[in-house]
Amino acid sequence: MIKLHFFDYGCGHLDVEGELGITEEIDELLIRNIPKLSLEATDSMCDLEDNEIFWFSADNEEDCIKKIDDLLRSHISDGSRMKYTIGITSDLSWYD
């Protein structure tokens, strides 16, 4: 499972799409541009609005992570305070 976590702790309300300068939802952009990527779930840590987490499945997770990272880097502006982490996880505690 691929975990993608956007955050800007303390910002109030994080607007991922605004920070990336896109008009469509981030999960839709990723799925449209990365073949065989599927959204599984979304969440936020501690139910706060300063972060957003996406879980995706894919046949080749390592390849998809590189493509996701490349796509995000091409959209995020130098002045953005938003950060993100992306990795493979086997922790499915969110799925209960």
PDB file of N, CA and C in Angstrom:
ATOM      1  N   MET A   1       0.850  -1.172   0.000  1.00  0.00           N
ATOM      2  CA  MET A   1       0.000   0.000   0.000  1.00  0.00           C
ATOM      3  C   MET A   1       0.898   1.239   0.000  1.00  0.00           C
ATOM      4  N   ILE A   2       0.544   2.220  -0.804  1.00  0.00           N
ATOM      5  CA  ILE A   2       1.281   3.479  -0.873  1.00  0.00           C
ATOM      6  C   ILE A   2       0.576   4.493   0.020  1.00  0.00           C
ATOM      7  N   LYS A   3       1.339   5.117   0.904  1.00  0.00           N
ATOM      8  CA  LYS A   3       0.795   6.160   1.786  1.00  0.00           C
ATOM      9  C   LYS A   3       1.404   7.489   1.360  1.00  0.00           C
ATOM     10  N   LEU A   4       0.529   8.439   1.017  1.00  0.00           N
ATOM     11  CA  LEU A   4       0.924   9.790   0.635  1.00  0.00           C
ATOM     12  C   LEU A   4       0.338  10.750   1.659  1.00  0.00           C
ATOM     13  N   HIS A   5       1.208  11.481   2.355  1.00  0.00           N
ATOM     14  CA  HIS A   5       0.780  12.351   3.461  1.00  0.00           C
ATOM     15  C   HIS A   5       1.238  13.784   3.180  1.00  0.00           C
ATOM     16  N   PHE A   6       0.261  14.675   2.992  1.00  0.00           N
ATOM     17  CA  PHE A   6       0.523  16.106   2.829  1.00  0.00           C
ATOM     18  C   PHE A   6       0.319  16.778   4.180  1.00  0.00           C
ATOM     19  N   PHE A   7       1.172  17.788   4.505  1.00  0.00           N
ATOM     20  CA  PHE A   7       0.992  18.474   5.780  1.00  0.00           C
ATOM     21  C   PHE A   7       1.616  19.865   5.760  1.00  0.00           C
ATOM     22  N   ASP A   8       1.044  20.729   6.559  1.00  0.00           N
ATOM     23  CA  ASP A   8       1.576  22.050   6.884  1.00  0.00           C
ATOM     24  C   ASP A   8       1.027  22.344   8.269  1.00  0.00           C
ATOM     25  N   TYR A   9       1.623  21.700   9.270  1.00  0.00           N
ATOM     26  CA  TYR A   9       1.098  21.745  10.630  1.00  0.00           C
ATOM     27  C   TYR A   9       0.969  23.174  11.144  1.00  0.00           C
ATOM     28  N   GLY A  10      -0.193  23.459  11.695  1.00  0.00           N
ATOM     29  CA  GLY A  10      -0.467  24.765  12.258  1.00  0.00           C
ATOM     30  C   GLY A  10      -0.997  25.779  11.269  1.00  0.00           C
ATOM     31  N   CYS A  11      -1.201  25.385  10.019  1.00  0.00           N
ATOM     32  CA  CYS A  11      -1.657  26.340   9.000  1.00  0.00           C
ATOM     33  C   CYS A  11      -3.158  26.621   9.082  1.00  0.00           C
ATOM     34  N   GLY A  12      -3.874  25.817   9.842  1.00  0.00           N
ATOM     35  CA  GLY A  12      -5.333  25.951   9.879  1.00  0.00           C
ATOM     36  C   GLY A  12      -5.957  24.956   8.935  1.00  0.00           C
ATOM     37  N   HIS A  13      -6.217  25.382   7.710  1.00  0.00           N
ATOM     38  CA  HIS A  13      -6.821  24.500   6.707  1.00  0.00           C
ATOM     39  C   HIS A  13      -5.857  24.348   5.532  1.00  0.00           C
ATOM     40  N   LEU A  14      -5.414  23.123   5.285  1.00  0.00           N
ATOM     41  CA  LEU A  14      -4.498  22.847   4.188  1.00  0.00           C
ATOM     42  C   LEU A  14      -5.272  22.663   2.896  1.00  0.00           C
ATOM     43  N   ASP A  15      -4.926  23.436   1.879  1.00  0.00           N
ATOM     44  CA  ASP A  15      -5.529  23.326   0.554  1.00  0.00           C
ATOM     45  C   ASP A  15      -4.489  22.707  -0.374  1.00  0.00           C
ATOM     46  N   VAL A  16      -4.472  21.378  -0.442  1.00  0.00           N
ATOM     47  CA  VAL A  16      -3.475  20.656  -1.233  1.00  0.00           C
ATOM     48  C   VAL A  16      -3.519  21.102  -2.691  1.00  0.00           C
ATOM     49  N   GLU A  17      -4.703  21.146  -3.255  1.00  0.00           N
ATOM     50  CA  GLU A  17      -4.842  21.517  -4.662  1.00  0.00           C
ATOM     51  C   GLU A  17      -4.364  22.939  -4.915  1.00  0.00           C
ATOM     52  N   GLY A  18      -4.679  23.852  -4.005  1.00  0.00           N
ATOM     53  CA  GLY A  18      -4.213  25.232  -4.128  1.00  0.00           C
ATOM     54  C   GLY A  18      -2.702  25.332  -4.044  1.00  0.00           C
ATOM     55  N   GLU A  19      -2.097  24.575  -3.137  1.00  0.00           N
ATOM     56  CA  GLU A  19      -0.638  24.573  -2.993  1.00  0.00           C
ATOM     57  C   GLU A  19       0.051  24.014  -4.232  1.00  0.00           C
ATOM     58  N   LEU A  20      -0.631  23.108  -4.925  1.00  0.00           N
ATOM     59  CA  LEU A  20      -0.067  22.510  -6.133  1.00  0.00           C
ATOM     60  C   LEU A  20      -0.446  23.282  -7.394  1.00  0.00           C
ATOM     61  N   GLY A  21      -1.369  24.229  -7.262  1.00  0.00           N
ATOM     62  CA  GLY A  21      -1.795  25.014  -8.416  1.00  0.00           C
ATOM     63  C   GLY A  21      -2.603  24.212  -9.419  1.00  0.00           C
ATOM     64  N   ILE A  22      -3.419  23.288  -8.924  1.00  0.00           N
ATOM     65  CA  ILE A  22      -4.243  22.459  -9.808  1.00  0.00           C
ATOM     66  C   ILE A  22      -5.718  22.727  -9.546  1.00  0.00           C
ATOM     67  N   THR A  23      -6.546  22.430 -10.535  1.00  0.00           N
ATOM     68  CA  THR A  23      -7.982  22.690 -10.401  1.00  0.00           C
ATOM     69  C   THR A  23      -8.786  21.429 -10.110  1.00  0.00           C
ATOM     70  N   GLU A  24      -8.171  20.257 -10.248  1.00  0.00           N
ATOM     71  CA  GLU A  24      -8.884  19.017  -9.947  1.00  0.00           C
ATOM     72  C   GLU A  24      -8.380  18.443  -8.620  1.00  0.00           C
ATOM     73  N   GLU A  25      -9.110  17.521  -8.067  1.00  0.00           N
ATOM     74  CA  GLU A  25      -8.701  16.884  -6.825  1.00  0.00           C
ATOM     75  C   GLU A  25      -7.377  16.153  -7.046  1.00  0.00           C
ATOM     76  N   ILE A  26      -6.506  16.171  -6.046  1.00  0.00           N
ATOM     77  CA  ILE A  26      -5.183  15.566  -6.181  1.00  0.00           C
ATOM     78  C   ILE A  26      -5.263  14.078  -6.488  1.00  0.00           C
ATOM     79  N   ASP A  27      -6.187  13.355  -5.862  1.00  0.00           N
ATOM     80  CA  ASP A  27      -6.279  11.921  -6.142  1.00  0.00           C
ATOM     81  C   ASP A  27      -6.688  11.668  -7.591  1.00  0.00           C
ATOM     82  N   GLU A  28      -7.560  12.505  -8.136  1.00  0.00           N
ATOM     83  CA  GLU A  28      -7.972  12.365  -9.536  1.00  0.00           C
ATOM     84  C   GLU A  28      -6.807  12.651 -10.478  1.00  0.00           C
ATOM     85  N   LEU A  29      -6.012  13.671 -10.172  1.00  0.00           N
ATOM     86  CA  LEU A  29      -4.846  13.996 -10.985  1.00  0.00           C
ATOM     87  C   LEU A  29      -3.863  12.829 -11.006  1.00  0.00           C
ATOM     88  N   LEU A  30      -3.591  12.254  -9.851  1.00  0.00           N
ATOM     89  CA  LEU A  30      -2.639  11.152  -9.772  1.00  0.00           C
ATOM     90  C   LEU A  30      -3.141   9.923 -10.519  1.00  0.00           C
ATOM     91  N   ILE A  31      -4.388   9.584 -10.323  1.00  0.00           N
ATOM     92  CA  ILE A  31      -4.951   8.399 -10.980  1.00  0.00           C
ATOM     93  C   ILE A  31      -4.992   8.581 -12.496  1.00  0.00           C
ATOM     94  N   ARG A  32      -5.296   9.783 -12.947  1.00  0.00           N
ATOM     95  CA  ARG A  32      -5.360  10.055 -14.383  1.00  0.00           C
ATOM     96  C   ARG A  32      -3.976   9.978 -15.032  1.00  0.00           C
ATOM     97  N   ASN A  33      -2.943  10.350 -14.299  1.00  0.00           N
ATOM     98  CA  ASN A  33      -1.598  10.423 -14.864  1.00  0.00           C
ATOM     99  C   ASN A  33      -0.703   9.220 -14.588  1.00  0.00           C
ATOM    100  N   ILE A  34      -1.115   8.365 -13.669  1.00  0.00           N
ATOM    101  CA  ILE A  34      -0.275   7.222 -13.316  1.00  0.00           C
ATOM    102  C   ILE A  34      -1.079   5.936 -13.515  1.00  0.00           C
ATOM    103  N   PRO A  35      -0.765   5.202 -14.572  1.00  0.00           N
ATOM    104  CA  PRO A  35      -1.509   3.972 -14.871  1.00  0.00           C
ATOM    105  C   PRO A  35      -1.448   2.960 -13.721  1.00  0.00           C
ATOM    106  N   LYS A  36      -2.552   2.291 -13.510  1.00  0.00           N
ATOM    107  CA  LYS A  36      -2.686   1.211 -12.527  1.00  0.00           C
ATOM    108  C   LYS A  36      -2.593   1.671 -11.084  1.00  0.00           C
ATOM    109  N   LEU A  37      -2.790   2.960 -10.826  1.00  0.00           N
ATOM    110  CA  LEU A  37      -2.846   3.490  -9.465  1.00  0.00           C
ATOM    111  C   LEU A  37      -4.303   3.606  -9.062  1.00  0.00           C
ATOM    112  N   SER A  38      -4.644   3.099  -7.880  1.00  0.00           N
ATOM    113  CA  SER A  38      -6.031   3.130  -7.408  1.00  0.00           C
ATOM    114  C   SER A  38      -6.098   3.702  -5.996  1.00  0.00           C
ATOM    115  N   LEU A  39      -7.036   4.620  -5.770  1.00  0.00           N
ATOM    116  CA  LEU A  39      -7.251   5.182  -4.444  1.00  0.00           C
ATOM    117  C   LEU A  39      -7.968   4.164  -3.579  1.00  0.00           C
ATOM    118  N   GLU A  40      -7.461   3.959  -2.374  1.00  0.00           N
ATOM    119  CA  GLU A  40      -8.085   3.039  -1.427  1.00  0.00           C
ATOM    120  C   GLU A  40      -8.810   3.775  -0.299  1.00  0.00           C
ATOM    121  N   ALA A  41      -8.207   4.861   0.224  1.00  0.00           N
ATOM    122  CA  ALA A  41      -8.820   5.581   1.345  1.00  0.00           C
ATOM    123  C   ALA A  41      -8.148   6.936   1.525  1.00  0.00           C
ATOM    124  N   THR A  42      -8.824   7.812   2.275  1.00  0.00           N
ATOM    125  CA  THR A  42      -8.256   9.100   2.672  1.00  0.00           C
ATOM    126  C   THR A  42      -8.516   9.297   4.155  1.00  0.00           C
ATOM    127  N   ASP A  43      -7.719  10.157   4.769  1.00  0.00           N
ATOM    128  CA  ASP A  43      -7.858  10.408   6.204  1.00  0.00           C
ATOM    129  C   ASP A  43      -7.014  11.631   6.539  1.00  0.00           C
ATOM    130  N   SER A  44      -6.984  11.986   7.815  1.00  0.00           N
ATOM    131  CA  SER A  44      -6.068  13.002   8.323  1.00  0.00           C
ATOM    132  C   SER A  44      -5.628  12.567   9.709  1.00  0.00           C
ATOM    133  N   MET A  45      -4.442  12.985  10.107  1.00  0.00           N
ATOM    134  CA  MET A  45      -3.963  12.640  11.442  1.00  0.00           C
ATOM    135  C   MET A  45      -4.717  13.474  12.465  1.00  0.00           C
ATOM    136  N   CYS A  46      -5.191  12.831  13.497  1.00  0.00           N
ATOM    137  CA  CYS A  46      -5.871  13.496  14.619  1.00  0.00           C
ATOM    138  C   CYS A  46      -7.085  14.302  14.162  1.00  0.00           C
ATOM    139  N   ASP A  47      -7.654  13.969  13.020  1.00  0.00           N
ATOM    140  CA  ASP A  47      -8.817  14.670  12.473  1.00  0.00           C
ATOM    141  C   ASP A  47      -8.615  16.178  12.378  1.00  0.00           C
ATOM    142  N   LEU A  48      -7.390  16.589  12.090  1.00  0.00           N
ATOM    143  CA  LEU A  48      -7.081  18.007  11.920  1.00  0.00           C
ATOM    144  C   LEU A  48      -7.090  18.362  10.445  1.00  0.00           C
ATOM    145  N   GLU A  49      -7.313  19.628  10.148  1.00  0.00           N
ATOM    146  CA  GLU A  49      -7.410  20.083   8.765  1.00  0.00           C
ATOM    147  C   GLU A  49      -6.083  20.565   8.194  1.00  0.00           C
ATOM    148  N   ASP A  50      -4.982  20.398   8.943  1.00  0.00           N
ATOM    149  CA  ASP A  50      -3.688  20.856   8.447  1.00  0.00           C
ATOM    150  C   ASP A  50      -2.871  19.740   7.800  1.00  0.00           C
ATOM    151  N   ASN A  51      -3.539  18.604   7.524  1.00  0.00           N
ATOM    152  CA  ASN A  51      -2.870  17.502   6.848  1.00  0.00           C
ATOM    153  C   ASN A  51      -3.905  16.630   6.154  1.00  0.00           C
ATOM    154  N   GLU A  52      -3.450  15.884   5.170  1.00  0.00           N
ATOM    155  CA  GLU A  52      -4.338  14.980   4.447  1.00  0.00           C
ATOM    156  C   GLU A  52      -3.529  13.761   4.016  1.00  0.00           C
ATOM    157  N   ILE A  53      -4.119  12.571   4.202  1.00  0.00           N
ATOM    158  CA  ILE A  53      -3.442  11.316   3.903  1.00  0.00           C
ATOM    159  C   ILE A  53      -4.246  10.550   2.861  1.00  0.00           C
ATOM    160  N   PHE A  54      -3.517   9.995   1.900  1.00  0.00           N
ATOM    161  CA  PHE A  54      -4.130   9.162   0.860  1.00  0.00           C
ATOM    162  C   PHE A  54      -3.425   7.814   0.853  1.00  0.00           C
ATOM    163  N   TRP A  55      -4.210   6.744   0.710  1.00  0.00           N
ATOM    164  CA  TRP A  55      -3.656   5.404   0.526  1.00  0.00           C
ATOM    165  C   TRP A  55      -4.043   4.922  -0.856  1.00  0.00           C
ATOM    166  N   PHE A  56      -3.046   4.459  -1.585  1.00  0.00           N
ATOM    167  CA  PHE A  56      -3.245   3.964  -2.939  1.00  0.00           C
ATOM    168  C   PHE A  56      -2.727   2.532  -3.042  1.00  0.00           C
ATOM    169  N   SER A  57      -3.300   1.799  -3.970  1.00  0.00           N
ATOM    170  CA  SER A  57      -2.752   0.493  -4.313  1.00  0.00           C
ATOM    171  C   SER A  57      -2.263   0.564  -5.754  1.00  0.00           C
ATOM    172  N   ALA A  58      -1.299  -0.306  -6.058  1.00  0.00           N
ATOM    173  CA  ALA A  58      -0.719  -0.352  -7.409  1.00  0.00           C
ATOM    174  C   ALA A  58      -0.017  -1.683  -7.588  1.00  0.00           C
ATOM    175  N   ASP A  59       0.093  -2.107  -8.835  1.00  0.00           N
ATOM    176  CA  ASP A  59       0.810  -3.342  -9.132  1.00  0.00           C
ATOM    177  C   ASP A  59       2.301  -3.197  -8.817  1.00  0.00           C
ATOM    178  N   ASN A  60       2.890  -2.092  -9.222  1.00  0.00           N
ATOM    179  CA  ASN A  60       4.305  -1.840  -8.992  1.00  0.00           C
ATOM    180  C   ASN A  60       4.421  -0.585  -8.123  1.00  0.00           C
ATOM    181  N   GLU A  61       4.414  -0.766  -6.806  1.00  0.00           N
ATOM    182  CA  GLU A  61       4.386   0.367  -5.881  1.00  0.00           C
ATOM    183  C   GLU A  61       5.629   1.243  -5.992  1.00  0.00           C
ATOM    184  N   GLU A  62       6.804   0.646  -6.113  1.00  0.00           N
ATOM    185  CA  GLU A  62       8.044   1.423  -6.217  1.00  0.00           C
ATOM    186  C   GLU A  62       8.020   2.357  -7.425  1.00  0.00           C
ATOM    187  N   ASP A  63       7.587   1.844  -8.562  1.00  0.00           N
ATOM    188  CA  ASP A  63       7.498   2.642  -9.784  1.00  0.00           C
ATOM    189  C   ASP A  63       6.483   3.771  -9.615  1.00  0.00           C
ATOM    190  N   CYS A  64       5.343   3.466  -9.018  1.00  0.00           N
ATOM    191  CA  CYS A  64       4.307   4.484  -8.823  1.00  0.00           C
ATOM    192  C   CYS A  64       4.759   5.569  -7.861  1.00  0.00           C
ATOM    193  N   ILE A  65       5.501   5.204  -6.831  1.00  0.00           N
ATOM    194  CA  ILE A  65       6.006   6.209  -5.891  1.00  0.00           C
ATOM    195  C   ILE A  65       6.896   7.207  -6.625  1.00  0.00           C
ATOM    196  N   LYS A  66       7.771   6.733  -7.467  1.00  0.00           N
ATOM    197  CA  LYS A  66       8.641   7.631  -8.235  1.00  0.00           C
ATOM    198  C   LYS A  66       7.816   8.550  -9.129  1.00  0.00           C
ATOM    199  N   LYS A  67       6.816   7.994  -9.795  1.00  0.00           N
ATOM    200  CA  LYS A  67       5.967   8.805 -10.672  1.00  0.00           C
ATOM    201  C   LYS A  67       5.159   9.836  -9.886  1.00  0.00           C
ATOM    202  N   ILE A  68       4.638   9.445  -8.731  1.00  0.00           N
ATOM    203  CA  ILE A  68       3.895  10.385  -7.875  1.00  0.00           C
ATOM    204  C   ILE A  68       4.814  11.515  -7.446  1.00  0.00           C
ATOM    205  N   ASP A  69       5.997  11.172  -6.967  1.00  0.00           N
ATOM    206  CA  ASP A  69       6.951  12.183  -6.512  1.00  0.00           C
ATOM    207  C   ASP A  69       7.320  13.138  -7.645  1.00  0.00           C
ATOM    208  N   ASP A  70       7.594  12.611  -8.818  1.00  0.00           N
ATOM    209  CA  ASP A  70       7.932  13.452  -9.973  1.00  0.00           C
ATOM    210  C   ASP A  70       6.781  14.399 -10.317  1.00  0.00           C
ATOM    211  N   LEU A  71       5.560  13.887 -10.305  1.00  0.00           N
ATOM    212  CA  LEU A  71       4.394  14.707 -10.633  1.00  0.00           C
ATOM    213  C   LEU A  71       4.182  15.804  -9.586  1.00  0.00           C
ATOM    214  N   LEU A  72       4.311  15.462  -8.314  1.00  0.00           N
ATOM    215  CA  LEU A  72       4.133  16.461  -7.256  1.00  0.00           C
ATOM    216  C   LEU A  72       5.221  17.530  -7.326  1.00  0.00           C
ATOM    217  N   ARG A  73       6.456  17.126  -7.545  1.00  0.00           N
ATOM    218  CA  ARG A  73       7.561  18.093  -7.630  1.00  0.00           C
ATOM    219  C   ARG A  73       7.372  19.059  -8.800  1.00  0.00           C
ATOM    220  N   SER A  74       6.736  18.587  -9.865  1.00  0.00           N
ATOM    221  CA  SER A  74       6.526  19.466 -11.016  1.00  0.00           C
ATOM    222  C   SER A  74       5.417  20.492 -10.767  1.00  0.00           C
ATOM    223  N   HIS A  75       4.587  20.268  -9.749  1.00  0.00           N
ATOM    224  CA  HIS A  75       3.478  21.180  -9.485  1.00  0.00           C
ATOM    225  C   HIS A  75       3.679  22.073  -8.263  1.00  0.00           C
ATOM    226  N   ILE A  76       4.409  21.624  -7.282  1.00  0.00           N
ATOM    227  CA  ILE A  76       4.525  22.405  -6.041  1.00  0.00           C
ATOM    228  C   ILE A  76       5.438  23.608  -6.267  1.00  0.00           C
ATOM    229  N   SER A  77       5.009  24.757  -5.782  1.00  0.00           N
ATOM    230  CA  SER A  77       5.792  25.979  -5.992  1.00  0.00           C
ATOM    231  C   SER A  77       6.900  26.074  -4.940  1.00  0.00           C
ATOM    232  N   ASP A  78       7.937  26.823  -5.282  1.00  0.00           N
ATOM    233  CA  ASP A  78       9.065  27.001  -4.362  1.00  0.00           C
ATOM    234  C   ASP A  78       8.640  27.692  -3.071  1.00  0.00           C
ATOM    235  N   GLY A  79       7.619  28.523  -3.123  1.00  0.00           N
ATOM    236  CA  GLY A  79       7.179  29.264  -1.951  1.00  0.00           C
ATOM    237  C   GLY A  79       6.191  28.514  -1.071  1.00  0.00           C
ATOM    238  N   SER A  80       5.816  27.320  -1.455  1.00  0.00           N
ATOM    239  CA  SER A  80       4.838  26.552  -0.685  1.00  0.00           C
ATOM    240  C   SER A  80       5.441  26.067   0.627  1.00  0.00           C
ATOM    241  N   ARG A  81       4.658  26.163   1.704  1.00  0.00           N
ATOM    242  CA  ARG A  81       5.072  25.626   3.001  1.00  0.00           C
ATOM    243  C   ARG A  81       4.614  24.183   3.170  1.00  0.00           C
ATOM    244  N   MET A  82       3.763  23.721   2.263  1.00  0.00           N
ATOM    245  CA  MET A  82       3.265  22.348   2.342  1.00  0.00           C
ATOM    246  C   MET A  82       4.398  21.368   2.070  1.00  0.00           C
ATOM    247  N   LYS A  83       4.443  20.325   2.860  1.00  0.00           N
ATOM    248  CA  LYS A  83       5.395  19.233   2.680  1.00  0.00           C
ATOM    249  C   LYS A  83       4.609  17.950   2.445  1.00  0.00           C
ATOM    250  N   TYR A  84       5.302  16.917   1.992  1.00  0.00           N
ATOM    251  CA  TYR A  84       4.645  15.619   1.847  1.00  0.00           C
ATOM    252  C   TYR A  84       5.662  14.508   2.056  1.00  0.00           C
ATOM    253  N   THR A  85       5.147  13.368   2.475  1.00  0.00           N
ATOM    254  CA  THR A  85       5.937  12.154   2.555  1.00  0.00           C
ATOM    255  C   THR A  85       5.204  11.100   1.747  1.00  0.00           C
ATOM    256  N   ILE A  86       5.974  10.199   1.181  1.00  0.00           N
ATOM    257  CA  ILE A  86       5.382   9.134   0.392  1.00  0.00           C
ATOM    258  C   ILE A  86       6.205   7.873   0.607  1.00  0.00           C
ATOM    259  N   GLY A  87       5.514   6.768   0.801  1.00  0.00           N
ATOM    260  CA  GLY A  87       6.223   5.517   1.007  1.00  0.00           C
ATOM    261  C   GLY A  87       5.287   4.326   0.952  1.00  0.00           C
ATOM    262  N   ILE A  88       5.884   3.165   1.068  1.00  0.00           N
ATOM    263  CA  ILE A  88       5.124   1.918   1.084  1.00  0.00           C
ATOM    264  C   ILE A  88       4.918   1.525   2.537  1.00  0.00           C
ATOM    265  N   THR A  89       3.708   1.156   2.872  1.00  0.00           N
ATOM    266  CA  THR A  89       3.400   0.747   4.236  1.00  0.00           C
ATOM    267  C   THR A  89       2.594  -0.528   4.229  1.00  0.00           C
ATOM    268  N   SER A  90       2.769  -1.308   5.269  1.00  0.00           N
ATOM    269  CA  SER A  90       1.935  -2.499   5.446  1.00  0.00           C
ATOM    270  C   SER A  90       0.984  -2.286   6.624  1.00  0.00           C
ATOM    271  N   ASP A  91       1.057  -1.080   7.230  1.00  0.00           N
ATOM    272  CA  ASP A  91       0.175  -0.752   8.346  1.00  0.00           C
ATOM    273  C   ASP A  91      -1.209  -0.404   7.822  1.00  0.00           C
ATOM    274  N   LEU A  92      -2.148  -1.310   8.012  1.00  0.00           N
ATOM    275  CA  LEU A  92      -3.504  -1.096   7.529  1.00  0.00           C
ATOM    276  C   LEU A  92      -4.471  -0.829   8.687  1.00  0.00           C
ATOM    277  N   SER A  93      -3.961  -0.275   9.782  1.00  0.00           N
ATOM    278  CA  SER A  93      -4.814  -0.011  10.944  1.00  0.00           C
ATOM    279  C   SER A  93      -5.933   0.972  10.619  1.00  0.00           C
ATOM    280  N   TRP A  94      -5.734   1.829   9.614  1.00  0.00           N
ATOM    281  CA  TRP A  94      -6.751   2.783   9.183  1.00  0.00           C
ATOM    282  C   TRP A  94      -7.958   2.065   8.580  1.00  0.00           C
ATOM    283  N   TYR A  95      -7.766   0.824   8.170  1.00  0.00           N
ATOM    284  CA  TYR A  95      -8.795   0.085   7.424  1.00  0.00           C
ATOM    285  C   TYR A  95      -9.819  -0.616   8.308  1.00  0.00           C
ATOM    286  N   ASP A  96      -9.625  -0.563   9.614  1.00  0.00           N
ATOM    287  CA  ASP A  96     -10.536  -1.287  10.541  1.00  0.00           C
ATOM    288  C   ASP A  96     -11.977  -0.884  10.412  1.00  0.00           C
TER     289      ASP A  96
END
